[in-house]
């Protein structure tokens, strides 16, 4: 990147580096810097490596890759997946801006899943060895990191519940409600958004066929719960979807 010269008497300043600072990132209230004061945020800035662009369909990391970095998603969406014993892809999650990728590798120093961009995306690389040292000196950052790990565990448990006990209608409603709440937390509309993943990928994640997902979309549209146009979703009856998700209004 070509630095811009601000003044003949001043050193050159890389504008992209300035824009990459945690304090100026729109996701900093959801990501690692959440709750940090400016001094601590500066210390975190110093260990964060390059910002990395990942084109749609390109892997950020693969199963078996050595663990070096965590990745804070700055822009875009990803999916993570494993390969089942039959050699088929099993989607394990969909991640969006403000979330961390790579925590699967902390225990064994190897990644246990593949992470692929669902659209042109951008991540901040966080060398884990440097982060560990910083966590030891910054209790606020350590508490927030533990909170993020706990959220990841809770998310995985929710998926197990989703696949184990919920009917198809309930699974799909829960999926839409979850996406809506995550978009809303990021300052986007929680009632009108675009699905970044395909119907096949949604079905794979929920343990349903692509035909089932198409039928559910048609059903939700016919009942007046959603407005659907290709991948554009508008939630028309959020209370109804939340009731279905909670199991207080099960529709077969």
Protein backbone atom coordinates (compact mmCIF):
# COMPACT_ATOMS: atom_id res chain seq x y z
CA UNK A 1 0.00 0.00 0.00
CA UNK A 2 1.39 3.47 -0.84
CA UNK A 3 1.71 5.69 2.24
CA UNK A 4 0.34 9.21 1.99
CA UNK A 5 2.61 12.12 2.76
CA UNK A 6 0.68 14.49 5.00
CA UNK A 7 3.27 17.30 5.11
CA UNK A 8 6.79 17.93 3.73
CA UNK A 9 8.10 18.17 7.31
CA UNK A 10 6.20 15.25 8.82
CA UNK A 11 6.90 11.50 8.48
CA UNK A 12 4.74 9.52 6.12
CA UNK A 13 1.60 7.99 7.58
CA UNK A 14 0.03 4.79 6.36
CA UNK A 15 -3.67 5.70 6.33
CA UNK A 16 -4.73 2.04 6.14
CA UNK A 17 -2.85 1.31 9.37
CA UNK A 18 -4.68 4.16 11.09
CA UNK A 19 -8.00 2.84 9.88
CA UNK A 20 -7.14 -0.62 11.18
CA UNK A 21 -6.88 0.54 14.79
CA UNK A 22 -9.28 -1.19 17.17
CA UNK A 23 -10.61 2.14 18.45
CA UNK A 24 -11.80 3.14 14.97
CA UNK A 25 -13.25 -0.25 14.01
CA UNK A 26 -17.04 -0.41 14.00
CA UNK A 27 -16.86 -3.89 15.55
CA UNK A 28 -14.68 -3.03 18.55
CA UNK A 29 -17.61 -3.16 21.00
CA UNK A 30 -18.22 -6.80 20.06
CA UNK A 31 -14.67 -7.98 19.47
CA UNK A 32 -11.65 -8.41 21.77
CA UNK A 33 -11.31 -4.69 22.66
CA UNK A 34 -14.77 -4.54 24.26
CA UNK A 35 -14.56 -2.80 27.63
CA UNK A 36 -10.91 -1.74 27.29
CA UNK A 37 -9.76 1.81 27.95
CA UNK A 38 -7.74 3.64 25.30
CA UNK A 39 -4.39 2.70 26.87
CA UNK A 40 -5.19 -1.01 26.91
CA UNK A 41 -6.64 -0.77 23.42
CA UNK A 42 -3.35 0.70 22.20
CA UNK A 43 -1.48 -2.25 23.74
CA UNK A 44 -3.77 -4.66 21.92
CA UNK A 45 -3.28 -2.71 18.68
CA UNK A 46 0.47 -3.25 18.96
CA UNK A 47 0.21 -7.06 18.80
CA UNK A 48 -2.40 -7.31 16.06
CA UNK A 49 -0.78 -8.33 12.81
CA UNK A 50 -1.90 -7.59 9.29
CA UNK A 51 -5.40 -7.11 8.10
CA UNK A 52 -6.04 -9.87 5.61
CA UNK A 53 -8.59 -9.92 2.78
CA UNK A 54 -10.17 -13.31 2.05
CA UNK A 55 -12.03 -13.67 -1.23
CA UNK A 56 -15.34 -15.53 -1.39
CA UNK A 57 -14.81 -19.28 -1.42
CA UNK A 58 -11.20 -19.06 -0.17
CA UNK A 59 -10.10 -20.88 3.00
CA UNK A 60 -8.76 -18.91 5.95
CA UNK A 61 -7.42 -22.13 7.48
CA UNK A 62 -7.88 -25.86 6.98
CA UNK A 63 -8.08 -28.98 9.12
CA UNK A 64 -4.59 -29.91 10.30
CA UNK A 65 -3.06 -26.46 9.78
CA UNK A 66 -0.68 -25.42 12.55
CA UNK A 67 -2.16 -22.95 15.01
CA UNK A 68 -0.55 -19.52 15.01
CA UNK A 69 -3.26 -16.88 14.94
CA UNK A 70 -6.76 -16.08 16.05
CA UNK A 71 -8.73 -14.11 13.50
CA UNK A 72 -11.11 -11.28 14.34
CA UNK A 73 -13.64 -10.91 11.54
CA UNK A 74 -13.70 -7.25 10.54
CA UNK A 75 -15.93 -7.54 7.47
CA UNK A 76 -17.93 -10.33 5.88
CA UNK A 77 -19.12 -13.82 6.77
CA UNK A 78 -17.52 -17.26 7.11
CA UNK A 79 -18.62 -20.84 7.56
CA UNK A 80 -16.72 -23.50 9.46
CA UNK A 81 -17.05 -27.16 8.63
CA UNK A 82 -15.55 -30.57 9.34
CA UNK A 83 -15.39 -33.70 7.21
CA UNK A 84 -17.47 -36.63 8.50
CA UNK A 85 -16.34 -40.29 8.31
CA UNK A 86 -18.08 -40.62 4.96
CA UNK A 87 -15.93 -37.83 3.52
CA UNK A 88 -18.80 -35.35 3.39
CA UNK A 89 -18.83 -31.76 4.57
CA UNK A 90 -20.59 -31.03 7.88
CA UNK A 91 -21.17 -27.33 8.54
CA UNK A 92 -20.47 -26.50 12.18
CA UNK A 93 -21.17 -22.78 12.23
CA UNK A 94 -21.59 -19.45 10.48
CA UNK A 95 -19.52 -16.53 11.72
CA UNK A 96 -19.84 -12.80 11.10
CA UNK A 97 -18.09 -9.50 11.84
CA UNK A 98 -17.05 -9.05 15.46
CA UNK A 99 -16.51 -12.76 16.11
CA UNK A 100 -13.28 -14.72 16.49
CA UNK A 101 -12.18 -17.64 14.35
CA UNK A 102 -9.51 -20.17 15.25
CA UNK A 103 -10.30 -21.01 18.87
CA UNK A 104 -10.80 -24.65 17.86
CA UNK A 105 -7.00 -25.03 17.68
CA UNK A 106 -5.99 -23.67 21.09
CA UNK A 107 -5.89 -27.03 22.87
CA UNK A 108 -4.02 -29.13 20.28
CA UNK A 109 -2.14 -26.47 18.28
CA UNK A 110 -3.85 -27.76 15.11
CA UNK A 111 -7.09 -26.64 13.50
CA UNK A 112 -9.96 -29.12 13.72
CA UNK A 113 -12.15 -27.47 11.09
CA UNK A 114 -12.00 -25.57 7.83
CA UNK A 115 -12.97 -21.90 7.68
CA UNK A 116 -14.15 -20.53 4.32
CA UNK A 117 -15.34 -17.03 3.38
CA UNK A 118 -18.97 -16.89 2.27
CA UNK A 119 -18.32 -13.51 0.63
CA UNK A 120 -15.35 -11.20 0.17
CA UNK A 121 -14.25 -10.69 3.77
CA UNK A 122 -11.52 -9.20 5.91
CA UNK A 123 -9.93 -10.38 9.16
CA UNK A 124 -7.39 -9.03 11.65
CA UNK A 125 -4.67 -11.56 12.47
CA UNK A 126 -3.92 -11.87 16.19
CA UNK A 127 -0.75 -13.89 16.95
CA UNK A 128 -1.82 -16.12 19.83
CA UNK A 129 1.59 -16.23 21.53
CA UNK A 130 1.57 -12.43 21.80
CA UNK A 131 -2.06 -12.43 22.92
CA UNK A 132 -1.28 -14.92 25.71
CA UNK A 133 1.37 -12.61 27.12
CA UNK A 134 -1.01 -9.68 26.97
CA UNK A 135 -3.81 -11.65 28.66
CA UNK A 136 -1.51 -12.25 31.63
CA UNK A 137 -1.08 -8.51 32.12
CA UNK A 138 -4.58 -7.28 31.32
CA UNK A 139 -7.34 -8.77 33.55
CA UNK A 140 -10.10 -6.96 31.65
CA UNK A 141 -8.97 -8.46 28.36
CA UNK A 142 -8.59 -11.90 29.97
CA UNK A 143 -12.16 -11.77 31.34
CA UNK A 144 -13.53 -10.76 27.96
CA UNK A 145 -11.55 -13.49 26.20
CA UNK A 146 -12.98 -16.06 28.62
CA UNK A 147 -16.44 -14.63 27.94
CA UNK A 148 -15.95 -15.09 24.20
CA UNK A 149 -14.77 -18.68 24.71
CA UNK A 150 -17.82 -19.34 26.91
CA UNK A 151 -20.10 -17.93 24.22
CA UNK A 152 -18.49 -20.28 21.70
CA UNK A 153 -19.13 -23.28 23.98
CA UNK A 154 -22.73 -22.14 24.53
CA UNK A 155 -23.20 -21.80 20.77
CA UNK A 156 -21.99 -25.37 20.22
CA UNK A 157 -24.31 -26.67 22.93
CA UNK A 158 -27.21 -24.82 21.33
CA UNK A 159 -26.46 -26.53 18.01
CA UNK A 160 -26.50 -29.93 19.74
CA UNK A 161 -29.89 -29.08 21.25
CA UNK A 162 -31.09 -27.83 17.88
CA UNK A 163 -30.18 -31.06 16.11
CA UNK A 164 -31.16 -33.40 18.90
CA UNK A 165 -34.55 -32.29 20.16
CA UNK A 166 -36.14 -29.77 17.83
CA UNK A 167 -38.55 -30.40 15.00
CA UNK A 168 -37.66 -29.05 11.57
CA UNK A 169 -39.91 -25.98 11.88
CA UNK A 170 -38.42 -25.16 15.26
CA UNK A 171 -34.86 -25.61 13.98
CA UNK A 172 -35.39 -23.21 11.12
CA UNK A 173 -37.17 -20.62 13.29
CA UNK A 174 -34.31 -20.79 15.80
CA UNK A 175 -31.80 -20.27 13.01
CA UNK A 176 -33.58 -17.14 11.74
CA UNK A 177 -34.07 -15.73 15.25
CA UNK A 178 -30.39 -16.28 16.04
CA UNK A 179 -29.25 -14.50 12.88
CA UNK A 180 -31.63 -11.62 13.56
CA UNK A 181 -30.31 -11.10 17.10
CA UNK A 182 -26.68 -11.18 15.93
CA UNK A 183 -27.31 -8.62 13.18
CA UNK A 184 -29.16 -6.38 15.62
CA UNK A 185 -26.23 -6.54 18.07
CA UNK A 186 -24.02 -5.21 15.27
CA UNK A 187 -26.23 -2.21 14.61
CA UNK A 188 -27.89 -3.68 11.53
CA UNK A 189 -31.55 -4.41 11.00
CA UNK A 190 -32.72 -7.40 13.00
CA UNK A 191 -35.81 -7.78 10.83
CA UNK A 192 -34.49 -7.33 7.30
CA UNK A 193 -31.26 -8.99 6.15
CA UNK A 194 -29.69 -11.15 3.47
CA UNK A 195 -28.78 -14.79 3.95
CA UNK A 196 -25.08 -15.05 3.10
CA UNK A 197 -25.16 -18.84 3.08
CA UNK A 198 -26.94 -21.08 0.56
CA UNK A 199 -30.03 -23.14 1.32
CA UNK A 200 -27.89 -26.24 0.99
CA UNK A 201 -25.46 -24.91 3.61
CA UNK A 202 -28.32 -24.01 5.97
CA UNK A 203 -29.78 -27.50 5.56
CA UNK A 204 -26.39 -29.09 6.19
CA UNK A 205 -25.99 -27.07 9.39
CA UNK A 206 -29.51 -27.83 10.64
CA UNK A 207 -29.46 -31.50 9.66
CA UNK A 208 -32.15 -30.99 7.01
CA UNK A 209 -32.26 -31.48 3.25
CA UNK A 210 -32.21 -28.57 0.83
CA UNK A 211 -35.76 -29.57 -0.14
CA UNK A 212 -36.82 -29.23 3.51
CA UNK A 213 -35.30 -25.75 3.72
CA UNK A 214 -37.14 -24.69 0.56
CA UNK A 215 -40.41 -26.06 1.97
CA UNK A 216 -39.87 -24.27 5.27
CA UNK A 217 -39.15 -20.97 3.54
CA UNK A 218 -42.35 -21.40 1.51
CA UNK A 219 -44.31 -22.28 4.65
CA UNK A 220 -43.01 -19.31 6.64
CA UNK A 221 -43.79 -17.06 3.69
CA UNK A 222 -47.30 -18.49 3.22
CA UNK A 223 -48.10 -18.13 6.94
CA UNK A 224 -47.04 -14.48 6.81
CA UNK A 225 -44.14 -14.93 9.24
CA UNK A 226 -41.47 -13.98 6.69
CA UNK A 227 -41.17 -12.11 3.45
CA UNK A 228 -38.73 -13.96 1.19
CA UNK A 229 -37.11 -12.74 -2.03
CA UNK A 230 -34.22 -14.93 -3.15
CA UNK A 231 -31.81 -14.52 -0.20
CA UNK A 232 -33.48 -11.41 1.20
CA UNK A 233 -35.39 -12.10 4.42
CA UNK A 234 -37.82 -9.80 6.22
CA UNK A 235 -39.21 -11.00 9.54
CA UNK A 236 -42.88 -10.01 9.73
CA UNK A 237 -43.82 -11.75 12.99
CA UNK A 238 -40.77 -11.89 15.28
CA UNK A 239 -42.84 -12.84 18.34
CA UNK A 240 -44.24 -15.85 16.49
CA UNK A 241 -40.78 -17.07 15.47
CA UNK A 242 -39.48 -16.64 19.03
CA UNK A 243 -42.45 -18.62 20.37
CA UNK A 244 -41.77 -21.44 17.89
CA UNK A 245 -38.09 -21.41 18.86
CA UNK A 246 -38.93 -21.56 22.57
CA UNK A 247 -41.28 -24.50 21.97
CA UNK A 248 -44.37 -22.64 23.17
CA UNK A 249 -45.93 -22.57 19.70
CA UNK A 250 -44.86 -25.63 17.72
CA UNK A 251 -46.12 -25.77 14.16
CA UNK A 252 -45.71 -29.04 12.29
